[in-house]
Amino acid sequence: MIYELGRIAQWDGHIRREYVHADDAAKRDELADAARVSNWQRVLSVVTLAAGPHSLNHGWINAVRLDGNRRYAPLHQAAWHGASIDTVAALLSCGAWRTLRNRDGKRPLDIAQERGHYHLTRILQPEIKQHVPSEVVAGLQRNLHALIHRYDRDAPTYLRLPDVEVLTELDPPAYWIRVSGGIFIIELRSCELNLQAVGKTDYSTPAPFRTTVDRIHEPK
């Protein structure tokens, strides 16, 4: 399992400003500010520029405000404001995730319904491509987070660790995350995860880690 990073989703979980380059932090602020005031043209412009042909920053469409509390990505903001269907479709075409949850565990669909924006119900309904029981998702996520923490103990202080639920709507069901010293490529395979370490010289291996509901399986 080795994917070309530009061809799969990116889990950009940055939540702390001091861990982000100043130029990127300023652009992320611009993105968050634009989404907060429904300036969708600016949102799409920032996201498009960030995900240029030679950039790996294509995860910004799902980025949350640095040092923020609510963990709203642009699609959450669109749901809160009751944006037009065309706007939501544009965000989705940029890779926005319907299953991404905010700090309160709410998806964009949940927010839209709470706010009475029922015109968005159909378009925000997650399109699940990989059907995995919720209890399995929870177990896989627990072990995934434990494995990431094992190799980067600081990761939980500067990153929102990946949500496995998001993988169920992706095709292919894989994303990558940058941690200190390297990258993890994470792939959902039925009811388990394969995780490939790339660029981390202390434990890089051709064989992937495998996590199931009950344990982490070391490479053979």
N, C-alpha and C. Protein backbone atom coordinates (compact mmCIF):
# COMPACT_ATOMS: atom_id res chain seq x y z
N MET A 1 0.84 -1.19 0.00
CA MET A 1 0.00 0.00 0.00
C MET A 1 0.87 1.25 0.00
N ILE A 2 1.16 1.76 -1.18
CA ILE A 2 1.83 3.05 -1.29
C ILE A 2 1.04 3.88 -2.29
N TYR A 3 0.45 4.95 -1.82
CA TYR A 3 -0.32 5.84 -2.68
C TYR A 3 0.52 7.08 -3.00
N GLU A 4 0.28 7.65 -4.17
CA GLU A 4 0.83 8.96 -4.47
C GLU A 4 0.03 9.99 -3.68
N LEU A 5 0.71 10.80 -2.87
CA LEU A 5 0.01 11.66 -1.93
C LEU A 5 -0.95 12.62 -2.61
N GLY A 6 -0.58 13.09 -3.79
CA GLY A 6 -1.45 14.03 -4.48
C GLY A 6 -2.74 13.43 -4.99
N ARG A 7 -2.85 12.09 -4.92
CA ARG A 7 -4.03 11.42 -5.46
C ARG A 7 -4.96 10.90 -4.37
N ILE A 8 -4.62 11.11 -3.13
CA ILE A 8 -5.53 10.73 -2.05
C ILE A 8 -5.77 11.93 -1.15
N ALA A 9 -6.74 11.81 -0.28
CA ALA A 9 -7.10 12.91 0.61
C ALA A 9 -6.00 13.17 1.62
N GLN A 10 -5.99 14.37 2.14
CA GLN A 10 -5.05 14.75 3.20
C GLN A 10 -5.83 15.05 4.47
N TRP A 11 -5.43 14.45 5.56
CA TRP A 11 -5.97 14.83 6.86
C TRP A 11 -5.07 15.94 7.40
N ASP A 12 -5.52 17.17 7.25
CA ASP A 12 -4.77 18.31 7.77
C ASP A 12 -5.38 18.67 9.11
N GLY A 13 -4.82 18.14 10.18
CA GLY A 13 -5.44 18.30 11.49
C GLY A 13 -4.87 19.41 12.34
N HIS A 14 -4.15 20.35 11.75
CA HIS A 14 -3.51 21.39 12.54
C HIS A 14 -4.53 22.21 13.33
N ILE A 15 -4.29 22.35 14.63
CA ILE A 15 -5.18 23.13 15.49
C ILE A 15 -4.43 24.18 16.30
N ARG A 16 -3.09 24.14 16.28
CA ARG A 16 -2.30 25.07 17.09
C ARG A 16 -1.46 25.96 16.18
N ARG A 17 -1.56 27.27 16.41
CA ARG A 17 -0.91 28.25 15.57
C ARG A 17 0.62 28.14 15.60
N GLU A 18 1.18 27.86 16.77
CA GLU A 18 2.63 27.88 16.89
C GLU A 18 3.32 26.75 16.11
N TYR A 19 2.53 25.79 15.63
CA TYR A 19 3.11 24.68 14.87
C TYR A 19 2.95 24.87 13.36
N VAL A 20 2.45 26.04 12.95
CA VAL A 20 2.20 26.30 11.53
C VAL A 20 3.05 27.48 11.10
N HIS A 21 3.63 27.40 9.90
CA HIS A 21 4.41 28.52 9.36
C HIS A 21 3.54 29.77 9.33
N ALA A 22 4.14 30.92 9.60
CA ALA A 22 3.40 32.17 9.72
C ALA A 22 2.60 32.50 8.46
N ASP A 23 3.18 32.25 7.29
CA ASP A 23 2.46 32.53 6.04
C ASP A 23 1.23 31.64 5.90
N ASP A 24 1.40 30.36 6.24
CA ASP A 24 0.26 29.45 6.17
C ASP A 24 -0.79 29.81 7.21
N ALA A 25 -0.34 30.20 8.39
CA ALA A 25 -1.29 30.59 9.43
C ALA A 25 -2.14 31.77 9.00
N ALA A 26 -1.51 32.74 8.33
CA ALA A 26 -2.25 33.91 7.85
C ALA A 26 -3.29 33.51 6.82
N LYS A 27 -2.95 32.59 5.92
CA LYS A 27 -3.90 32.13 4.92
C LYS A 27 -5.03 31.33 5.56
N ARG A 28 -4.69 30.54 6.56
CA ARG A 28 -5.72 29.78 7.26
C ARG A 28 -6.68 30.72 7.99
N ASP A 29 -6.14 31.79 8.56
CA ASP A 29 -7.00 32.79 9.19
C ASP A 29 -7.94 33.41 8.16
N GLU A 30 -7.38 33.72 6.99
CA GLU A 30 -8.20 34.30 5.92
C GLU A 30 -9.32 33.34 5.51
N LEU A 31 -8.98 32.06 5.42
CA LEU A 31 -9.97 31.05 5.06
C LEU A 31 -11.07 30.97 6.11
N ALA A 32 -10.68 30.89 7.38
CA ALA A 32 -11.66 30.77 8.46
C ALA A 32 -12.52 32.02 8.55
N ASP A 33 -11.92 33.20 8.39
CA ASP A 33 -12.68 34.45 8.45
C ASP A 33 -13.69 34.54 7.31
N ALA A 34 -13.26 34.13 6.12
CA ALA A 34 -14.16 34.18 4.97
C ALA A 34 -15.35 33.25 5.14
N ALA A 35 -15.10 32.04 5.66
CA ALA A 35 -16.20 31.10 5.89
C ALA A 35 -17.16 31.61 6.96
N ARG A 36 -16.63 32.26 7.97
CA ARG A 36 -17.46 32.76 9.06
C ARG A 36 -18.45 33.82 8.59
N VAL A 37 -18.06 34.60 7.58
CA VAL A 37 -18.95 35.68 7.09
C VAL A 37 -19.57 35.32 5.73
N SER A 38 -19.53 34.05 5.37
CA SER A 38 -20.18 33.56 4.14
C SER A 38 -19.58 34.14 2.86
N ASN A 39 -18.31 34.44 2.87
CA ASN A 39 -17.66 34.91 1.64
C ASN A 39 -17.12 33.68 0.91
N TRP A 40 -18.03 33.00 0.23
CA TRP A 40 -17.68 31.71 -0.35
C TRP A 40 -16.74 31.85 -1.54
N GLN A 41 -16.82 32.94 -2.25
CA GLN A 41 -15.87 33.16 -3.35
C GLN A 41 -14.45 33.21 -2.82
N ARG A 42 -14.27 33.89 -1.69
CA ARG A 42 -12.93 33.97 -1.10
C ARG A 42 -12.50 32.63 -0.54
N VAL A 43 -13.42 31.92 0.08
CA VAL A 43 -13.11 30.58 0.60
C VAL A 43 -12.57 29.70 -0.53
N LEU A 44 -13.29 29.67 -1.63
CA LEU A 44 -12.89 28.81 -2.74
C LEU A 44 -11.57 29.27 -3.36
N SER A 45 -11.34 30.57 -3.37
CA SER A 45 -10.09 31.10 -3.90
C SER A 45 -8.91 30.66 -3.04
N VAL A 46 -9.04 30.80 -1.72
CA VAL A 46 -7.94 30.41 -0.82
C VAL A 46 -7.67 28.92 -0.93
N VAL A 47 -8.72 28.13 -0.95
CA VAL A 47 -8.57 26.67 -1.02
C VAL A 47 -7.92 26.27 -2.34
N THR A 48 -8.34 26.88 -3.42
CA THR A 48 -7.80 26.55 -4.73
C THR A 48 -6.32 26.90 -4.84
N LEU A 49 -5.96 28.07 -4.32
CA LEU A 49 -4.55 28.47 -4.34
C LEU A 49 -3.70 27.56 -3.47
N ALA A 50 -4.23 27.17 -2.31
CA ALA A 50 -3.49 26.29 -1.41
C ALA A 50 -3.24 24.93 -2.03
N ALA A 51 -4.18 24.48 -2.85
CA ALA A 51 -4.07 23.16 -3.46
C ALA A 51 -3.57 23.26 -4.90
N GLY A 52 -2.61 24.12 -5.12
CA GLY A 52 -2.04 24.28 -6.46
C GLY A 52 -1.38 23.02 -6.96
N PRO A 53 -0.97 23.00 -8.22
CA PRO A 53 -0.44 21.78 -8.85
C PRO A 53 0.83 21.25 -8.20
N HIS A 54 1.58 22.10 -7.52
CA HIS A 54 2.83 21.65 -6.91
C HIS A 54 2.75 21.67 -5.38
N SER A 55 1.54 21.69 -4.85
CA SER A 55 1.35 21.77 -3.40
C SER A 55 0.70 20.51 -2.87
N LEU A 56 1.02 20.19 -1.62
CA LEU A 56 0.34 19.08 -0.95
C LEU A 56 -0.70 19.60 0.04
N ASN A 57 -1.03 20.88 -0.05
CA ASN A 57 -1.97 21.47 0.90
C ASN A 57 -3.43 21.32 0.45
N HIS A 58 -3.78 20.17 -0.12
CA HIS A 58 -5.16 20.02 -0.58
C HIS A 58 -6.11 19.65 0.55
N GLY A 59 -5.63 19.61 1.79
CA GLY A 59 -6.51 19.34 2.93
C GLY A 59 -7.13 20.57 3.53
N TRP A 60 -6.81 21.76 2.99
CA TRP A 60 -7.30 22.99 3.61
C TRP A 60 -8.80 23.14 3.53
N ILE A 61 -9.46 22.49 2.58
CA ILE A 61 -10.91 22.60 2.48
C ILE A 61 -11.58 22.05 3.75
N ASN A 62 -10.87 21.19 4.48
CA ASN A 62 -11.40 20.63 5.72
C ASN A 62 -10.68 21.15 6.96
N ALA A 63 -9.92 22.24 6.79
CA ALA A 63 -9.16 22.80 7.91
C ALA A 63 -10.07 23.59 8.84
N VAL A 64 -9.73 23.59 10.12
CA VAL A 64 -10.47 24.35 11.11
C VAL A 64 -9.62 25.54 11.55
N ARG A 65 -10.26 26.48 12.23
CA ARG A 65 -9.54 27.67 12.68
C ARG A 65 -8.45 27.30 13.69
N LEU A 66 -7.25 27.84 13.48
CA LEU A 66 -6.16 27.60 14.41
C LEU A 66 -6.51 28.21 15.76
N ASP A 67 -6.26 27.45 16.83
CA ASP A 67 -6.56 27.87 18.20
C ASP A 67 -8.04 28.11 18.42
N GLY A 68 -8.89 27.60 17.54
CA GLY A 68 -10.33 27.77 17.69
C GLY A 68 -10.92 26.73 18.63
N ASN A 69 -12.16 26.96 19.02
CA ASN A 69 -12.82 26.06 19.95
C ASN A 69 -13.88 25.19 19.30
N ARG A 70 -14.51 25.68 18.24
CA ARG A 70 -15.67 24.97 17.71
C ARG A 70 -15.32 23.89 16.69
N ARG A 71 -14.13 23.99 16.11
CA ARG A 71 -13.68 23.02 15.09
C ARG A 71 -14.65 22.99 13.91
N TYR A 72 -14.99 24.17 13.42
CA TYR A 72 -15.82 24.28 12.22
C TYR A 72 -14.91 24.37 11.00
N ALA A 73 -15.08 23.43 10.06
CA ALA A 73 -14.47 23.54 8.73
C ALA A 73 -15.42 24.35 7.84
N PRO A 74 -14.99 24.75 6.64
CA PRO A 74 -15.87 25.53 5.78
C PRO A 74 -17.24 24.91 5.54
N LEU A 75 -17.33 23.58 5.40
CA LEU A 75 -18.64 22.97 5.16
C LEU A 75 -19.55 23.09 6.37
N HIS A 76 -19.01 23.04 7.57
CA HIS A 76 -19.82 23.30 8.77
C HIS A 76 -20.37 24.73 8.74
N GLN A 77 -19.53 25.67 8.36
CA GLN A 77 -19.98 27.06 8.29
C GLN A 77 -21.07 27.23 7.22
N ALA A 78 -20.91 26.57 6.09
CA ALA A 78 -21.93 26.65 5.04
C ALA A 78 -23.25 26.10 5.55
N ALA A 79 -23.20 25.02 6.31
CA ALA A 79 -24.42 24.44 6.88
C ALA A 79 -25.05 25.39 7.89
N TRP A 80 -24.23 26.03 8.71
CA TRP A 80 -24.73 26.95 9.74
C TRP A 80 -25.42 28.16 9.10
N HIS A 81 -24.81 28.68 8.04
CA HIS A 81 -25.34 29.87 7.38
C HIS A 81 -26.49 29.55 6.42
N GLY A 82 -26.68 28.28 6.09
CA GLY A 82 -27.70 27.95 5.11
C GLY A 82 -27.31 28.39 3.72
N ALA A 83 -26.07 28.15 3.34
CA ALA A 83 -25.58 28.54 2.03
C ALA A 83 -26.39 27.88 0.92
N SER A 84 -26.24 28.37 -0.28
CA SER A 84 -26.98 27.81 -1.41
C SER A 84 -26.48 26.41 -1.73
N ILE A 85 -27.31 25.66 -2.43
CA ILE A 85 -26.92 24.32 -2.86
C ILE A 85 -25.71 24.39 -3.79
N ASP A 86 -25.68 25.40 -4.64
CA ASP A 86 -24.54 25.55 -5.55
C ASP A 86 -23.24 25.78 -4.77
N THR A 87 -23.31 26.57 -3.70
CA THR A 87 -22.11 26.82 -2.88
C THR A 87 -21.64 25.54 -2.22
N VAL A 88 -22.58 24.80 -1.64
CA VAL A 88 -22.21 23.55 -0.98
C VAL A 88 -21.64 22.57 -2.00
N ALA A 89 -22.22 22.53 -3.19
CA ALA A 89 -21.71 21.64 -4.24
C ALA A 89 -20.28 22.02 -4.61
N ALA A 90 -19.98 23.32 -4.63
CA ALA A 90 -18.62 23.77 -4.95
C ALA A 90 -17.64 23.34 -3.87
N LEU A 91 -18.05 23.44 -2.61
CA LEU A 91 -17.19 22.99 -1.52
C LEU A 91 -16.95 21.49 -1.59
N LEU A 92 -18.00 20.75 -1.89
CA LEU A 92 -17.86 19.30 -2.01
C LEU A 92 -16.93 18.93 -3.17
N SER A 93 -17.01 19.69 -4.26
CA SER A 93 -16.15 19.40 -5.41
C SER A 93 -14.68 19.65 -5.09
N CYS A 94 -14.43 20.49 -4.07
CA CYS A 94 -13.05 20.75 -3.62
C CYS A 94 -12.58 19.71 -2.62
N GLY A 95 -13.45 18.79 -2.24
CA GLY A 95 -13.05 17.72 -1.33
C GLY A 95 -13.56 17.86 0.09
N ALA A 96 -14.54 18.74 0.33
CA ALA A 96 -15.10 18.87 1.69
C ALA A 96 -15.76 17.55 2.09
N TRP A 97 -15.62 17.21 3.37
CA TRP A 97 -16.12 15.93 3.87
C TRP A 97 -17.44 16.09 4.59
N ARG A 98 -18.42 15.31 4.19
CA ARG A 98 -19.73 15.34 4.84
C ARG A 98 -19.72 14.68 6.22
N THR A 99 -18.80 13.75 6.44
CA THR A 99 -18.77 13.01 7.72
C THR A 99 -17.88 13.68 8.77
N LEU A 100 -17.20 14.77 8.42
CA LEU A 100 -16.31 15.43 9.37
C LEU A 100 -17.15 16.04 10.50
N ARG A 101 -16.75 15.79 11.73
CA ARG A 101 -17.50 16.27 12.89
C ARG A 101 -16.75 17.41 13.57
N ASN A 102 -17.52 18.34 14.14
CA ASN A 102 -16.92 19.44 14.88
C ASN A 102 -16.63 19.00 16.31
N ARG A 103 -16.26 19.92 17.17
CA ARG A 103 -15.91 19.56 18.54
C ARG A 103 -17.08 18.90 19.27
N ASP A 104 -18.30 19.27 18.92
CA ASP A 104 -19.48 18.71 19.56
C ASP A 104 -19.94 17.42 18.91
N GLY A 105 -19.17 16.92 17.95
CA GLY A 105 -19.53 15.67 17.30
C GLY A 105 -20.59 15.81 16.23
N LYS A 106 -20.82 17.02 15.73
CA LYS A 106 -21.87 17.25 14.74
C LYS A 106 -21.28 17.35 13.33
N ARG A 107 -21.96 16.70 12.41
CA ARG A 107 -21.62 16.80 11.00
C ARG A 107 -22.30 18.03 10.41
N PRO A 108 -21.88 18.46 9.22
CA PRO A 108 -22.58 19.57 8.58
C PRO A 108 -24.09 19.33 8.44
N LEU A 109 -24.49 18.10 8.12
CA LEU A 109 -25.90 17.78 8.02
C LEU A 109 -26.64 18.06 9.33
N ASP A 110 -26.04 17.67 10.45
CA ASP A 110 -26.66 17.88 11.75
C ASP A 110 -26.87 19.38 12.01
N ILE A 111 -25.86 20.16 11.67
CA ILE A 111 -25.94 21.61 11.90
C ILE A 111 -27.02 22.23 11.04
N ALA A 112 -27.07 21.85 9.76
CA ALA A 112 -28.08 22.41 8.85
C ALA A 112 -29.49 22.09 9.35
N GLN A 113 -29.71 20.88 9.80
CA GLN A 113 -31.04 20.50 10.27
C GLN A 113 -31.41 21.25 11.55
N GLU A 114 -30.45 21.41 12.46
CA GLU A 114 -30.72 22.15 13.68
C GLU A 114 -31.08 23.60 13.38
N ARG A 115 -30.48 24.15 12.33
CA ARG A 115 -30.71 25.54 11.97
C ARG A 115 -31.92 25.72 11.05
N GLY A 116 -32.54 24.62 10.68
CA GLY A 116 -33.72 24.71 9.82
C GLY A 116 -33.42 24.91 8.35
N HIS A 117 -32.20 24.60 7.93
CA HIS A 117 -31.81 24.78 6.52
C HIS A 117 -32.05 23.45 5.77
N TYR A 118 -33.31 23.12 5.63
CA TYR A 118 -33.66 21.80 5.11
C TYR A 118 -33.39 21.67 3.61
N HIS A 119 -33.16 22.79 2.93
CA HIS A 119 -32.81 22.69 1.52
C HIS A 119 -31.46 22.00 1.32
N LEU A 120 -30.68 21.90 2.42
CA LEU A 120 -29.35 21.28 2.33
C LEU A 120 -29.34 19.82 2.77
N THR A 121 -30.49 19.31 3.18
CA THR A 121 -30.53 17.96 3.74
C THR A 121 -30.00 16.92 2.75
N ARG A 122 -30.48 16.98 1.54
CA ARG A 122 -30.08 15.94 0.58
C ARG A 122 -28.61 16.04 0.21
N ILE A 123 -28.13 17.24 -0.08
CA ILE A 123 -26.75 17.36 -0.56
C ILE A 123 -25.73 17.10 0.55
N LEU A 124 -26.13 17.32 1.81
CA LEU A 124 -25.20 17.10 2.92
C LEU A 124 -25.29 15.68 3.49
N GLN A 125 -26.24 14.90 3.00
CA GLN A 125 -26.34 13.51 3.47
C GLN A 125 -25.08 12.75 3.05
N PRO A 126 -24.32 12.19 4.01
CA PRO A 126 -23.09 11.49 3.65
C PRO A 126 -23.33 10.35 2.66
N GLU A 127 -22.47 10.25 1.68
CA GLU A 127 -22.51 9.15 0.73
C GLU A 127 -21.47 8.12 1.16
N ILE A 128 -21.92 7.13 1.89
CA ILE A 128 -21.02 6.15 2.47
C ILE A 128 -20.66 5.10 1.43
N LYS A 129 -19.37 4.97 1.19
CA LYS A 129 -18.87 4.00 0.21
C LYS A 129 -18.32 2.74 0.88
N GLN A 130 -17.91 2.88 2.14
CA GLN A 130 -17.36 1.74 2.88
C GLN A 130 -18.23 1.58 4.14
N HIS A 131 -19.02 0.54 4.18
CA HIS A 131 -19.96 0.36 5.28
C HIS A 131 -19.30 -0.43 6.40
N VAL A 132 -19.04 0.26 7.51
CA VAL A 132 -18.36 -0.32 8.66
C VAL A 132 -19.19 0.00 9.90
N PRO A 133 -19.48 -0.99 10.75
CA PRO A 133 -20.27 -0.72 11.95
C PRO A 133 -19.62 0.35 12.83
N SER A 134 -20.44 1.16 13.48
CA SER A 134 -19.92 2.28 14.27
C SER A 134 -18.99 1.81 15.38
N GLU A 135 -19.29 0.66 15.99
CA GLU A 135 -18.42 0.17 17.06
C GLU A 135 -17.05 -0.25 16.52
N VAL A 136 -17.01 -0.70 15.27
CA VAL A 136 -15.73 -1.04 14.64
C VAL A 136 -14.96 0.22 14.34
N VAL A 137 -15.64 1.25 13.81
CA VAL A 137 -14.98 2.53 13.56
C VAL A 137 -14.36 3.07 14.85
N ALA A 138 -15.09 3.00 15.95
CA ALA A 138 -14.58 3.51 17.23
C ALA A 138 -13.34 2.74 17.68
N GLY A 139 -13.34 1.42 17.53
CA GLY A 139 -12.19 0.62 17.92
C GLY A 139 -10.98 0.87 17.05
N LEU A 140 -11.20 0.99 15.75
CA LEU A 140 -10.10 1.28 14.83
C LEU A 140 -9.50 2.65 15.14
N GLN A 141 -10.35 3.61 15.42
CA GLN A 141 -9.84 4.96 15.71
C GLN A 141 -9.03 4.97 17.00
N ARG A 142 -9.49 4.27 17.99
CA ARG A 142 -8.76 4.21 19.26
C ARG A 142 -7.34 3.66 19.05
N ASN A 143 -7.23 2.58 18.30
CA ASN A 143 -5.91 1.99 18.08
C ASN A 143 -5.06 2.82 17.11
N LEU A 144 -5.70 3.47 16.13
CA LEU A 144 -4.96 4.36 15.24
C LEU A 144 -4.33 5.50 16.03
N HIS A 145 -5.10 6.11 16.90
CA HIS A 145 -4.58 7.22 17.70
C HIS A 145 -3.46 6.75 18.62
N ALA A 146 -3.61 5.56 19.17
CA ALA A 146 -2.56 5.02 20.04
C ALA A 146 -1.26 4.81 19.26
N LEU A 147 -1.38 4.35 18.01
CA LEU A 147 -0.19 4.10 17.20
C LEU A 147 0.50 5.41 16.82
N ILE A 148 -0.28 6.41 16.42
CA ILE A 148 0.31 7.71 16.09
C ILE A 148 1.00 8.30 17.31
N HIS A 149 0.36 8.20 18.46
CA HIS A 149 0.93 8.75 19.69
C HIS A 149 2.22 8.03 20.07
N ARG A 150 2.29 6.75 19.76
CA ARG A 150 3.50 5.99 20.08
C ARG A 150 4.73 6.57 19.37
N TYR A 151 4.56 7.01 18.13
CA TYR A 151 5.68 7.47 17.34
C TYR A 151 5.82 8.98 17.29
N ASP A 152 4.82 9.69 17.79
CA ASP A 152 4.93 11.14 17.90
C ASP A 152 4.10 11.56 19.12
N ARG A 153 4.75 11.57 20.27
CA ARG A 153 4.02 11.82 21.51
C ARG A 153 3.44 13.23 21.58
N ASP A 154 3.98 14.14 20.77
CA ASP A 154 3.46 15.51 20.77
C ASP A 154 2.26 15.69 19.84
N ALA A 155 1.97 14.68 19.02
CA ALA A 155 0.93 14.84 18.00
C ALA A 155 -0.40 15.33 18.58
N PRO A 156 -0.88 14.78 19.69
CA PRO A 156 -2.17 15.25 20.20
C PRO A 156 -2.17 16.70 20.66
N THR A 157 -0.99 17.29 20.86
CA THR A 157 -0.94 18.68 21.31
C THR A 157 -1.06 19.67 20.16
N TYR A 158 -0.72 19.25 18.94
CA TYR A 158 -0.78 20.19 17.83
C TYR A 158 -1.67 19.73 16.68
N LEU A 159 -2.19 18.51 16.77
CA LEU A 159 -3.04 17.98 15.71
C LEU A 159 -4.36 17.46 16.27
N ARG A 160 -5.40 17.62 15.49
CA ARG A 160 -6.60 16.84 15.71
C ARG A 160 -6.35 15.51 15.01
N LEU A 161 -6.28 14.44 15.78
CA LEU A 161 -5.94 13.14 15.20
C LEU A 161 -7.07 12.66 14.28
N PRO A 162 -6.75 11.82 13.30
CA PRO A 162 -7.70 11.50 12.24
C PRO A 162 -8.98 10.82 12.72
N ASP A 163 -10.09 11.17 12.08
CA ASP A 163 -11.37 10.50 12.28
C ASP A 163 -11.48 9.37 11.26
N VAL A 164 -11.62 8.15 11.74
CA VAL A 164 -11.75 7.00 10.84
C VAL A 164 -13.06 7.07 10.07
N GLU A 165 -14.10 7.65 10.66
CA GLU A 165 -15.39 7.74 9.98
C GLU A 165 -15.26 8.41 8.61
N VAL A 166 -14.38 9.38 8.49
CA VAL A 166 -14.20 10.08 7.21
C VAL A 166 -13.79 9.11 6.11
N LEU A 167 -13.02 8.10 6.44
CA LEU A 167 -12.57 7.14 5.43
C LEU A 167 -13.74 6.41 4.77
N THR A 168 -14.86 6.31 5.47
CA THR A 168 -15.98 5.56 4.91
C THR A 168 -16.63 6.27 3.73
N GLU A 169 -16.36 7.57 3.55
CA GLU A 169 -16.93 8.29 2.40
C GLU A 169 -15.92 8.53 1.28
N LEU A 170 -14.69 8.09 1.50
CA LEU A 170 -13.64 8.37 0.51
C LEU A 170 -13.46 7.22 -0.47
N ASP A 171 -13.05 7.57 -1.68
CA ASP A 171 -12.75 6.58 -2.71
C ASP A 171 -11.52 7.07 -3.49
N PRO A 172 -10.36 6.45 -3.27
CA PRO A 172 -10.12 5.30 -2.41
C PRO A 172 -10.23 5.67 -0.93
N PRO A 173 -10.49 4.69 -0.06
CA PRO A 173 -10.68 4.97 1.36
C PRO A 173 -9.34 5.15 2.08
N ALA A 174 -8.66 6.23 1.74
CA ALA A 174 -7.31 6.46 2.28
C ALA A 174 -7.07 7.95 2.41
N TYR A 175 -6.28 8.34 3.41
CA TYR A 175 -5.77 9.70 3.52
C TYR A 175 -4.39 9.65 4.16
N TRP A 176 -3.70 10.77 4.10
CA TRP A 176 -2.38 10.84 4.72
C TRP A 176 -2.33 11.98 5.70
N ILE A 177 -1.45 11.84 6.68
CA ILE A 177 -1.28 12.86 7.71
C ILE A 177 0.21 13.04 7.97
N ARG A 178 0.61 14.29 8.09
CA ARG A 178 2.00 14.60 8.38
C ARG A 178 2.16 14.75 9.89
N VAL A 179 3.10 14.00 10.45
CA VAL A 179 3.45 14.13 11.85
C VAL A 179 4.93 14.45 11.94
N SER A 180 5.43 14.63 13.14
CA SER A 180 6.81 15.03 13.31
C SER A 180 7.76 14.00 12.66
N GLY A 181 8.51 14.45 11.67
CA GLY A 181 9.52 13.61 11.07
C GLY A 181 9.06 12.76 9.91
N GLY A 182 7.79 12.80 9.55
CA GLY A 182 7.37 11.95 8.45
C GLY A 182 5.88 11.98 8.20
N ILE A 183 5.41 10.98 7.48
CA ILE A 183 4.02 10.91 7.03
C ILE A 183 3.48 9.52 7.31
N PHE A 184 2.23 9.45 7.68
CA PHE A 184 1.51 8.19 7.75
C PHE A 184 0.46 8.19 6.64
N ILE A 185 0.40 7.11 5.87
CA ILE A 185 -0.67 6.88 4.90
C ILE A 185 -1.60 5.84 5.51
N ILE A 186 -2.86 6.18 5.64
CA ILE A 186 -3.82 5.35 6.37
C ILE A 186 -4.91 4.90 5.40
N GLU A 187 -5.13 3.61 5.34
CA GLU A 187 -6.10 3.04 4.40
C GLU A 187 -7.07 2.13 5.15
N LEU A 188 -8.35 2.29 4.86
CA LEU A 188 -9.38 1.42 5.41
C LEU A 188 -9.56 0.23 4.49
N ARG A 189 -9.42 -0.96 5.05
CA ARG A 189 -9.64 -2.19 4.29
C ARG A 189 -10.66 -3.03 5.05
N SER A 190 -11.89 -3.00 4.58
CA SER A 190 -12.97 -3.71 5.24
C SER A 190 -13.08 -3.23 6.69
N CYS A 191 -12.78 -4.07 7.64
CA CYS A 191 -12.93 -3.69 9.05
C CYS A 191 -11.58 -3.56 9.75
N GLU A 192 -10.55 -3.16 9.00
CA GLU A 192 -9.25 -2.90 9.59
C GLU A 192 -8.57 -1.77 8.86
N LEU A 193 -7.50 -1.25 9.48
CA LEU A 193 -6.72 -0.18 8.88
C LEU A 193 -5.33 -0.68 8.56
N ASN A 194 -4.80 -0.25 7.42
CA ASN A 194 -3.39 -0.42 7.11
C ASN A 194 -2.74 0.96 7.21
N LEU A 195 -1.58 1.01 7.82
CA LEU A 195 -0.92 2.29 8.05
C LEU A 195 0.54 2.17 7.64
N GLN A 196 0.93 2.98 6.65
CA GLN A 196 2.29 2.95 6.12
C GLN A 196 3.07 4.15 6.62
N ALA A 197 4.23 3.90 7.20
CA ALA A 197 5.11 4.98 7.64
C ALA A 197 6.03 5.36 6.50
N VAL A 198 6.10 6.65 6.19
CA VAL A 198 6.93 7.13 5.09
C VAL A 198 7.82 8.25 5.60
N GLY A 199 9.13 8.10 5.40
CA GLY A 199 10.05 9.18 5.72
C GLY A 199 10.44 9.28 7.18
N LYS A 200 10.02 8.32 7.99
CA LYS A 200 10.42 8.32 9.40
C LYS A 200 11.52 7.27 9.54
N THR A 201 12.74 7.73 9.57
CA THR A 201 13.88 6.84 9.40
C THR A 201 14.02 5.83 10.54
N ASP A 202 13.45 6.12 11.71
CA ASP A 202 13.63 5.20 12.81
C ASP A 202 12.74 3.97 12.72
N TYR A 203 11.67 4.04 11.87
CA TYR A 203 10.83 2.85 11.78
C TYR A 203 10.18 2.67 10.42
N SER A 204 10.67 3.40 9.39
CA SER A 204 10.11 3.19 8.06
C SER A 204 10.30 1.73 7.64
N THR A 205 9.28 1.18 7.02
CA THR A 205 9.33 -0.22 6.63
C THR A 205 8.42 -0.42 5.43
N PRO A 206 8.80 -1.32 4.51
CA PRO A 206 7.91 -1.59 3.39
C PRO A 206 6.58 -2.21 3.84
N ALA A 207 6.61 -2.92 4.96
CA ALA A 207 5.40 -3.57 5.45
C ALA A 207 4.59 -2.59 6.31
N PRO A 208 3.28 -2.56 6.11
CA PRO A 208 2.47 -1.63 6.89
C PRO A 208 2.11 -2.18 8.26
N PHE A 209 1.83 -1.26 9.18
CA PHE A 209 1.15 -1.65 10.40
C PHE A 209 -0.28 -2.01 10.03
N ARG A 210 -0.91 -2.81 10.87
CA ARG A 210 -2.31 -3.14 10.68
C ARG A 210 -3.01 -2.99 12.02
N THR A 211 -4.12 -2.27 12.02
CA THR A 211 -4.89 -2.13 13.25
C THR A 211 -6.27 -2.73 13.05
N THR A 212 -6.68 -3.50 14.03
CA THR A 212 -8.02 -4.05 14.08
C THR A 212 -8.73 -3.46 15.29
N VAL A 213 -9.93 -3.90 15.54
CA VAL A 213 -10.70 -3.34 16.65
C VAL A 213 -10.00 -3.56 17.98
N ASP A 214 -9.34 -4.70 18.11
CA ASP A 214 -8.82 -5.07 19.43
C ASP A 214 -7.33 -4.88 19.61
N ARG A 215 -6.58 -4.60 18.53
CA ARG A 215 -5.13 -4.50 18.72
C ARG A 215 -4.44 -3.85 17.54
N ILE A 216 -3.13 -3.54 17.77
CA ILE A 216 -2.24 -3.05 16.74
C ILE A 216 -1.33 -4.20 16.34
N HIS A 217 -1.27 -4.51 15.05
CA HIS A 217 -0.44 -5.60 14.56
C HIS A 217 0.83 -5.02 13.98
N GLU A 218 1.97 -5.43 14.50
CA GLU A 218 3.26 -4.92 14.06
C GLU A 218 3.62 -5.50 12.69
N PRO A 219 4.43 -4.76 11.91
CA PRO A 219 4.87 -5.30 10.61
C PRO A 219 5.67 -6.57 10.81
N LYS A 220 5.53 -7.49 9.88
CA LYS A 220 6.29 -8.75 9.96
C LYS A 220 7.63 -8.60 9.28
